[in-house]
N, C-alpha and C. Protein backbone atom coordinates (compact mmCIF):
# COMPACT_ATOMS: atom_id res chain seq x y z
N MET A 1 1.25 -18.19 -3.95
CA MET A 1 1.10 -16.79 -3.57
C MET A 1 2.32 -16.04 -4.08
N ARG A 2 2.06 -14.94 -4.77
CA ARG A 2 3.17 -14.13 -5.29
C ARG A 2 2.73 -12.68 -5.43
N VAL A 3 3.73 -11.81 -5.43
CA VAL A 3 3.49 -10.39 -5.64
C VAL A 3 4.13 -10.00 -6.96
N ILE A 4 3.35 -9.35 -7.81
CA ILE A 4 3.80 -8.88 -9.11
C ILE A 4 4.01 -7.37 -9.01
N PHE A 5 5.21 -6.92 -9.36
CA PHE A 5 5.51 -5.49 -9.37
C PHE A 5 5.45 -5.00 -10.80
N PHE A 6 4.85 -3.82 -10.99
CA PHE A 6 4.74 -3.28 -12.35
C PHE A 6 4.64 -1.76 -12.29
N GLU A 7 4.95 -1.15 -13.42
CA GLU A 7 4.83 0.31 -13.53
C GLU A 7 3.79 0.69 -14.57
N ALA A 8 4.00 0.34 -15.80
CA ALA A 8 3.08 0.77 -16.85
C ALA A 8 2.52 -0.45 -17.57
N ASP A 9 1.55 -1.09 -16.98
CA ASP A 9 0.91 -2.27 -17.57
C ASP A 9 -0.60 -2.09 -17.46
N ASP A 10 -1.24 -1.82 -18.57
CA ASP A 10 -2.67 -1.51 -18.54
C ASP A 10 -3.51 -2.64 -17.95
N ASP A 11 -3.20 -3.90 -18.30
CA ASP A 11 -4.00 -5.01 -17.79
C ASP A 11 -3.85 -5.16 -16.28
N LEU A 12 -2.61 -5.10 -15.78
CA LEU A 12 -2.39 -5.22 -14.34
C LEU A 12 -2.94 -4.01 -13.59
N MET A 13 -2.83 -2.83 -14.19
CA MET A 13 -3.36 -1.63 -13.55
C MET A 13 -4.87 -1.73 -13.41
N LYS A 14 -5.51 -2.29 -14.41
CA LYS A 14 -6.96 -2.48 -14.35
C LYS A 14 -7.33 -3.38 -13.15
N LYS A 15 -6.57 -4.45 -12.96
CA LYS A 15 -6.81 -5.37 -11.83
C LYS A 15 -6.58 -4.66 -10.50
N ALA A 16 -5.49 -3.89 -10.43
CA ALA A 16 -5.17 -3.16 -9.19
C ALA A 16 -6.28 -2.15 -8.86
N LEU A 17 -6.74 -1.44 -9.88
CA LEU A 17 -7.79 -0.44 -9.65
C LEU A 17 -9.12 -1.08 -9.25
N GLU A 18 -9.39 -2.29 -9.73
CA GLU A 18 -10.61 -3.00 -9.31
C GLU A 18 -10.58 -3.24 -7.81
N ILE A 19 -9.44 -3.67 -7.28
CA ILE A 19 -9.31 -3.92 -5.85
C ILE A 19 -9.42 -2.61 -5.08
N ARG A 20 -8.71 -1.59 -5.52
CA ARG A 20 -8.76 -0.30 -4.84
C ARG A 20 -10.18 0.28 -4.85
N ARG A 21 -10.88 0.12 -5.97
CA ARG A 21 -12.27 0.61 -6.05
C ARG A 21 -13.15 -0.12 -5.03
N LYS A 22 -13.03 -1.44 -4.96
CA LYS A 22 -13.85 -2.21 -4.01
C LYS A 22 -13.56 -1.81 -2.57
N VAL A 23 -12.28 -1.72 -2.23
CA VAL A 23 -11.90 -1.46 -0.83
C VAL A 23 -12.11 0.01 -0.45
N PHE A 24 -11.54 0.91 -1.22
CA PHE A 24 -11.56 2.31 -0.80
C PHE A 24 -12.84 3.05 -1.18
N ILE A 25 -13.28 2.93 -2.42
CA ILE A 25 -14.44 3.69 -2.87
C ILE A 25 -15.75 3.06 -2.40
N GLU A 26 -15.91 1.75 -2.61
CA GLU A 26 -17.17 1.11 -2.25
C GLU A 26 -17.26 0.82 -0.75
N GLU A 27 -16.25 0.17 -0.19
CA GLU A 27 -16.31 -0.24 1.21
C GLU A 27 -16.09 0.93 2.17
N GLN A 28 -15.06 1.73 1.92
CA GLN A 28 -14.71 2.80 2.87
C GLN A 28 -15.29 4.16 2.49
N LYS A 29 -15.98 4.22 1.37
CA LYS A 29 -16.67 5.44 0.93
C LYS A 29 -15.72 6.62 0.68
N VAL A 30 -14.52 6.33 0.19
CA VAL A 30 -13.59 7.38 -0.21
C VAL A 30 -14.07 7.94 -1.54
N ALA A 31 -14.05 9.25 -1.68
CA ALA A 31 -14.47 9.87 -2.93
C ALA A 31 -13.57 9.41 -4.07
N GLU A 32 -14.16 9.14 -5.21
CA GLU A 32 -13.40 8.65 -6.37
C GLU A 32 -12.27 9.60 -6.74
N GLU A 33 -12.51 10.90 -6.67
CA GLU A 33 -11.45 11.86 -7.04
C GLU A 33 -10.29 11.84 -6.05
N ASP A 34 -10.54 11.45 -4.79
CA ASP A 34 -9.45 11.31 -3.82
C ASP A 34 -8.65 10.04 -4.10
N GLU A 35 -9.35 8.97 -4.42
CA GLU A 35 -8.66 7.70 -4.68
C GLU A 35 -7.89 7.74 -5.99
N LEU A 36 -8.50 8.26 -7.02
CA LEU A 36 -7.86 8.33 -8.33
C LEU A 36 -7.21 9.71 -8.48
N ASP A 37 -6.09 9.88 -7.81
CA ASP A 37 -5.45 11.18 -7.63
C ASP A 37 -4.45 11.58 -8.72
N GLY A 38 -4.32 10.76 -9.76
CA GLY A 38 -3.41 11.10 -10.86
C GLY A 38 -1.96 10.70 -10.64
N LYS A 39 -1.65 10.07 -9.52
CA LYS A 39 -0.26 9.70 -9.21
C LYS A 39 0.10 8.27 -9.64
N ASP A 40 -0.86 7.54 -10.17
CA ASP A 40 -0.58 6.16 -10.58
C ASP A 40 0.49 6.05 -11.67
N PRO A 41 0.49 6.91 -12.69
CA PRO A 41 1.50 6.75 -13.75
C PRO A 41 2.94 6.91 -13.26
N GLU A 42 3.16 7.65 -12.18
CA GLU A 42 4.52 7.87 -11.66
C GLU A 42 4.90 6.86 -10.58
N SER A 43 4.06 5.87 -10.36
CA SER A 43 4.23 4.96 -9.23
C SER A 43 4.62 3.55 -9.65
N LEU A 44 5.20 2.84 -8.69
CA LEU A 44 5.41 1.40 -8.77
C LEU A 44 4.20 0.77 -8.10
N HIS A 45 3.67 -0.29 -8.67
CA HIS A 45 2.50 -0.96 -8.11
C HIS A 45 2.83 -2.40 -7.78
N ALA A 46 2.16 -2.92 -6.76
CA ALA A 46 2.32 -4.31 -6.36
C ALA A 46 0.94 -4.95 -6.33
N LEU A 47 0.83 -6.11 -6.94
CA LEU A 47 -0.44 -6.83 -7.01
C LEU A 47 -0.22 -8.23 -6.44
N LEU A 48 -1.00 -8.58 -5.42
CA LEU A 48 -0.88 -9.87 -4.76
C LEU A 48 -1.81 -10.88 -5.41
N GLU A 49 -1.21 -11.98 -5.87
CA GLU A 49 -1.98 -13.05 -6.49
C GLU A 49 -1.95 -14.28 -5.60
N VAL A 50 -3.13 -14.84 -5.34
CA VAL A 50 -3.25 -16.04 -4.53
C VAL A 50 -4.15 -17.02 -5.28
N GLY A 51 -3.63 -18.17 -5.61
CA GLY A 51 -4.43 -19.18 -6.29
C GLY A 51 -5.02 -18.71 -7.60
N GLY A 52 -4.29 -17.90 -8.35
CA GLY A 52 -4.77 -17.42 -9.64
C GLY A 52 -5.72 -16.24 -9.57
N ARG A 53 -5.91 -15.71 -8.37
CA ARG A 53 -6.85 -14.58 -8.17
C ARG A 53 -6.10 -13.42 -7.53
N TYR A 54 -6.37 -12.21 -8.00
CA TYR A 54 -5.75 -11.02 -7.41
C TYR A 54 -6.56 -10.60 -6.19
N VAL A 55 -5.87 -10.48 -5.03
CA VAL A 55 -6.59 -10.20 -3.78
C VAL A 55 -6.05 -8.98 -3.03
N GLY A 56 -4.89 -8.45 -3.44
CA GLY A 56 -4.32 -7.33 -2.72
C GLY A 56 -3.49 -6.44 -3.61
N VAL A 57 -3.23 -5.23 -3.13
CA VAL A 57 -2.54 -4.24 -3.94
C VAL A 57 -1.84 -3.22 -3.05
N SER A 58 -0.84 -2.58 -3.60
CA SER A 58 -0.27 -1.38 -3.00
C SER A 58 0.37 -0.54 -4.09
N ARG A 59 0.59 0.72 -3.75
CA ARG A 59 1.23 1.65 -4.67
C ARG A 59 2.41 2.27 -3.93
N ILE A 60 3.51 2.46 -4.65
CA ILE A 60 4.73 2.97 -4.04
C ILE A 60 5.27 4.13 -4.87
N ARG A 61 5.66 5.20 -4.16
CA ARG A 61 6.27 6.34 -4.85
C ARG A 61 7.59 6.69 -4.17
N ARG A 62 8.60 6.97 -4.99
CA ARG A 62 9.86 7.49 -4.45
C ARG A 62 9.63 8.97 -4.15
N ILE A 63 9.85 9.37 -2.89
CA ILE A 63 9.60 10.76 -2.52
C ILE A 63 10.88 11.50 -2.14
N GLY A 64 12.00 10.81 -2.19
CA GLY A 64 13.29 11.41 -1.87
C GLY A 64 14.38 10.40 -2.11
N GLU A 65 15.62 10.80 -1.93
CA GLU A 65 16.75 9.90 -2.12
C GLU A 65 16.67 8.79 -1.07
N GLY A 66 16.39 7.57 -1.51
CA GLY A 66 16.29 6.43 -0.61
C GLY A 66 15.02 6.40 0.23
N ILE A 67 14.06 7.27 -0.07
CA ILE A 67 12.82 7.34 0.70
C ILE A 67 11.64 6.98 -0.21
N PHE A 68 10.87 6.00 0.22
CA PHE A 68 9.71 5.55 -0.55
C PHE A 68 8.46 5.65 0.31
N LYS A 69 7.37 6.07 -0.32
CA LYS A 69 6.08 6.14 0.36
C LYS A 69 5.19 5.02 -0.15
N ILE A 70 4.73 4.20 0.78
CA ILE A 70 3.84 3.08 0.46
C ILE A 70 2.41 3.58 0.66
N GLU A 71 1.60 3.39 -0.37
CA GLU A 71 0.23 3.91 -0.35
C GLU A 71 -0.74 2.85 -0.86
N ARG A 72 -2.01 3.11 -0.64
CA ARG A 72 -3.10 2.33 -1.24
C ARG A 72 -2.95 0.82 -0.97
N VAL A 73 -2.51 0.48 0.24
CA VAL A 73 -2.40 -0.93 0.62
C VAL A 73 -3.81 -1.44 0.90
N ALA A 74 -4.20 -2.50 0.19
CA ALA A 74 -5.56 -3.02 0.35
C ALA A 74 -5.60 -4.51 0.09
N ILE A 75 -6.38 -5.20 0.89
CA ILE A 75 -6.69 -6.61 0.71
C ILE A 75 -8.22 -6.71 0.62
N LEU A 76 -8.72 -7.47 -0.35
CA LEU A 76 -10.17 -7.63 -0.47
C LEU A 76 -10.76 -8.11 0.86
N LYS A 77 -11.91 -7.59 1.21
CA LYS A 77 -12.55 -7.86 2.50
C LYS A 77 -12.64 -9.35 2.82
N GLU A 78 -13.05 -10.13 1.84
CA GLU A 78 -13.25 -11.57 2.07
C GLU A 78 -11.93 -12.33 2.22
N GLU A 79 -10.81 -11.67 1.96
CA GLU A 79 -9.50 -12.33 2.04
C GLU A 79 -8.67 -11.86 3.23
N ARG A 80 -9.22 -10.99 4.05
CA ARG A 80 -8.48 -10.48 5.21
C ARG A 80 -8.39 -11.53 6.30
N GLY A 81 -7.37 -11.37 7.16
CA GLY A 81 -7.20 -12.29 8.28
C GLY A 81 -6.49 -13.58 7.91
N LYS A 82 -5.91 -13.63 6.72
CA LYS A 82 -5.24 -14.84 6.24
C LYS A 82 -3.73 -14.65 6.10
N GLY A 83 -3.22 -13.51 6.55
CA GLY A 83 -1.79 -13.24 6.46
C GLY A 83 -1.35 -12.63 5.15
N TYR A 84 -2.30 -12.32 4.28
CA TYR A 84 -1.95 -11.77 2.97
C TYR A 84 -1.38 -10.36 3.06
N GLY A 85 -1.92 -9.56 3.97
CA GLY A 85 -1.41 -8.20 4.12
C GLY A 85 0.05 -8.19 4.57
N ARG A 86 0.38 -9.05 5.53
CA ARG A 86 1.77 -9.17 5.99
C ARG A 86 2.67 -9.63 4.84
N PHE A 87 2.23 -10.63 4.11
CA PHE A 87 3.03 -11.14 2.98
C PHE A 87 3.25 -10.04 1.95
N LEU A 88 2.20 -9.31 1.61
CA LEU A 88 2.31 -8.23 0.64
C LEU A 88 3.32 -7.18 1.11
N MET A 89 3.20 -6.75 2.36
CA MET A 89 4.11 -5.73 2.88
C MET A 89 5.55 -6.23 2.94
N GLU A 90 5.75 -7.47 3.32
CA GLU A 90 7.12 -8.01 3.36
C GLU A 90 7.73 -8.05 1.97
N GLU A 91 6.95 -8.41 0.98
CA GLU A 91 7.46 -8.44 -0.40
C GLU A 91 7.72 -7.03 -0.92
N VAL A 92 6.85 -6.08 -0.59
CA VAL A 92 7.06 -4.69 -0.99
C VAL A 92 8.36 -4.18 -0.36
N GLU A 93 8.55 -4.44 0.91
CA GLU A 93 9.77 -3.99 1.58
C GLU A 93 11.01 -4.61 0.94
N ARG A 94 10.95 -5.89 0.65
CA ARG A 94 12.08 -6.59 0.02
C ARG A 94 12.41 -5.93 -1.34
N GLU A 95 11.39 -5.65 -2.11
CA GLU A 95 11.58 -5.01 -3.41
C GLU A 95 12.20 -3.62 -3.26
N LEU A 96 11.71 -2.87 -2.30
CA LEU A 96 12.21 -1.50 -2.12
C LEU A 96 13.65 -1.49 -1.60
N VAL A 97 14.00 -2.42 -0.74
CA VAL A 97 15.39 -2.52 -0.29
C VAL A 97 16.29 -2.83 -1.49
N SER A 98 15.81 -3.67 -2.41
CA SER A 98 16.60 -3.97 -3.62
C SER A 98 16.76 -2.73 -4.51
N ARG A 99 15.88 -1.75 -4.31
CA ARG A 99 15.95 -0.49 -5.05
C ARG A 99 16.63 0.60 -4.22
N ARG A 100 17.37 0.17 -3.23
CA ARG A 100 18.18 1.05 -2.36
C ARG A 100 17.37 1.93 -1.41
N ALA A 101 16.24 1.43 -0.96
CA ALA A 101 15.47 2.17 0.03
C ALA A 101 16.24 2.23 1.34
N LYS A 102 16.14 3.37 2.01
CA LYS A 102 16.73 3.56 3.34
C LYS A 102 15.61 3.77 4.38
N ARG A 103 14.54 4.41 3.91
CA ARG A 103 13.43 4.70 4.82
C ARG A 103 12.12 4.54 4.06
N LEU A 104 11.15 3.91 4.74
CA LEU A 104 9.82 3.74 4.18
C LEU A 104 8.84 4.54 5.01
N VAL A 105 7.93 5.23 4.36
CA VAL A 105 6.91 6.01 5.06
C VAL A 105 5.54 5.62 4.52
N LEU A 106 4.55 5.78 5.37
CA LEU A 106 3.17 5.54 4.94
C LEU A 106 2.24 6.31 5.86
N ASN A 107 1.05 6.56 5.38
CA ASN A 107 -0.01 7.17 6.18
C ASN A 107 -1.01 6.06 6.48
N ALA A 108 -0.95 5.55 7.71
CA ALA A 108 -1.78 4.41 8.10
C ALA A 108 -3.13 4.88 8.63
N GLN A 109 -4.18 4.23 8.18
CA GLN A 109 -5.48 4.44 8.81
C GLN A 109 -5.34 3.97 10.26
N ILE A 110 -5.91 4.73 11.17
CA ILE A 110 -5.78 4.42 12.59
C ILE A 110 -6.21 2.98 12.89
N GLN A 111 -7.22 2.49 12.20
CA GLN A 111 -7.73 1.14 12.47
C GLN A 111 -6.71 0.04 12.17
N VAL A 112 -5.68 0.34 11.37
CA VAL A 112 -4.65 -0.67 11.05
C VAL A 112 -3.26 -0.26 11.53
N LYS A 113 -3.19 0.73 12.41
CA LYS A 113 -1.91 1.18 12.96
C LYS A 113 -1.16 0.00 13.60
N GLY A 114 -1.86 -0.82 14.37
CA GLY A 114 -1.24 -1.96 15.04
C GLY A 114 -0.63 -2.96 14.07
N PHE A 115 -1.28 -3.14 12.93
CA PHE A 115 -0.75 -4.03 11.89
C PHE A 115 0.63 -3.56 11.46
N TYR A 116 0.76 -2.26 11.20
CA TYR A 116 2.05 -1.71 10.75
C TYR A 116 3.08 -1.71 11.87
N GLU A 117 2.64 -1.50 13.10
CA GLU A 117 3.57 -1.55 14.23
C GLU A 117 4.19 -2.94 14.35
N LYS A 118 3.40 -3.98 14.13
CA LYS A 118 3.92 -5.36 14.17
C LYS A 118 4.96 -5.60 13.08
N LEU A 119 4.90 -4.81 12.01
CA LEU A 119 5.87 -4.92 10.92
C LEU A 119 7.09 -4.02 11.14
N GLY A 120 7.12 -3.32 12.28
CA GLY A 120 8.27 -2.50 12.62
C GLY A 120 8.15 -1.02 12.31
N TYR A 121 6.98 -0.56 11.91
CA TYR A 121 6.78 0.86 11.63
C TYR A 121 6.52 1.61 12.94
N LYS A 122 6.98 2.84 13.00
CA LYS A 122 6.80 3.70 14.17
C LYS A 122 5.95 4.91 13.79
N ALA A 123 4.98 5.23 14.64
CA ALA A 123 4.13 6.40 14.40
C ALA A 123 4.95 7.67 14.59
N ARG A 124 4.69 8.65 13.74
CA ARG A 124 5.36 9.95 13.78
C ARG A 124 4.31 11.04 13.66
N GLY A 125 4.20 11.87 14.68
CA GLY A 125 3.29 13.00 14.60
C GLY A 125 1.89 12.70 15.09
N GLU A 126 1.02 13.64 14.82
CA GLU A 126 -0.35 13.62 15.30
C GLU A 126 -1.28 12.93 14.30
N ILE A 127 -2.44 12.56 14.78
CA ILE A 127 -3.48 12.01 13.92
C ILE A 127 -3.98 13.12 12.99
N PHE A 128 -4.21 12.78 11.74
CA PHE A 128 -4.75 13.72 10.76
C PHE A 128 -5.79 12.98 9.92
N TYR A 129 -6.57 13.75 9.19
CA TYR A 129 -7.63 13.16 8.37
C TYR A 129 -7.27 13.24 6.90
N GLU A 130 -7.45 12.11 6.22
CA GLU A 130 -7.25 12.01 4.78
C GLU A 130 -8.48 11.29 4.26
N ALA A 131 -9.18 11.88 3.31
CA ALA A 131 -10.42 11.30 2.78
C ALA A 131 -11.43 11.01 3.91
N ASN A 132 -11.45 11.90 4.90
CA ASN A 132 -12.35 11.79 6.05
C ASN A 132 -12.11 10.57 6.93
N ILE A 133 -10.91 10.01 6.86
CA ILE A 133 -10.53 8.85 7.65
C ILE A 133 -9.31 9.23 8.48
N PRO A 134 -9.33 8.96 9.82
CA PRO A 134 -8.17 9.30 10.64
C PRO A 134 -6.95 8.43 10.28
N HIS A 135 -5.82 9.11 10.15
CA HIS A 135 -4.55 8.47 9.78
C HIS A 135 -3.45 8.93 10.71
N VAL A 136 -2.34 8.21 10.69
CA VAL A 136 -1.11 8.64 11.34
C VAL A 136 0.05 8.30 10.41
N ARG A 137 1.02 9.21 10.34
CA ARG A 137 2.21 8.96 9.53
C ARG A 137 3.09 7.94 10.27
N MET A 138 3.61 6.97 9.53
CA MET A 138 4.47 5.96 10.12
C MET A 138 5.72 5.81 9.27
N GLU A 139 6.81 5.41 9.91
CA GLU A 139 8.09 5.26 9.21
C GLU A 139 8.81 4.01 9.67
N LYS A 140 9.67 3.52 8.81
CA LYS A 140 10.51 2.37 9.12
C LYS A 140 11.84 2.54 8.42
N VAL A 141 12.93 2.35 9.16
CA VAL A 141 14.26 2.40 8.58
C VAL A 141 14.59 1.00 8.08
N VAL A 142 15.09 0.93 6.84
CA VAL A 142 15.44 -0.35 6.19
C VAL A 142 16.76 -0.19 5.47
N GLY A 143 17.31 -1.27 4.94
CA GLY A 143 18.44 -1.24 4.02
C GLY A 143 19.58 -0.34 4.42
N ARG A 144 20.10 -0.57 5.59
CA ARG A 144 21.17 0.30 6.13
C ARG A 144 22.36 0.35 5.28
C-alpha cells in the first residue's frame, strides 16, 4: 500500500479522475461540471495504490501561507471499511507537513464528519450545501 503524489502527470491524472468519476459523479450524483471545476492543474494530487490497483484519491490546494485545502477525498465503494481512507489521509498530512503546512482545511460531507473528527479535525461553522450535499468546514492544526 502506497500513496503517490503528483502534479502534472497525464497517466496518473487519468487514474485519479476515474476514481473521482465513479465516486462523485456516478455514485453521489454530483454534476460533472461541479466535479471537474478546472482546479486540477493548480493542485497536488494523491493516488492510493493497494496491491497494484488504484483505490483512492485526494486533491490538495495551497490556499494561503502554510494553509492547505484537502479536497476530493474518495475511496472506491468496494474498498471502503478497510482503513484505506485513514491511511490516505495520514500520508497526505505527512506530505503537507513536509511542505511546511501549519493548518489543513477541508469541506467534509456530513456523512463522513466523524471520520475526520477521529483524525483530529474540528468542525468550524454551520452546515452548508456543496453540489447538493450537506457539508461542514473542518480544520486541523499541524506542523507547529
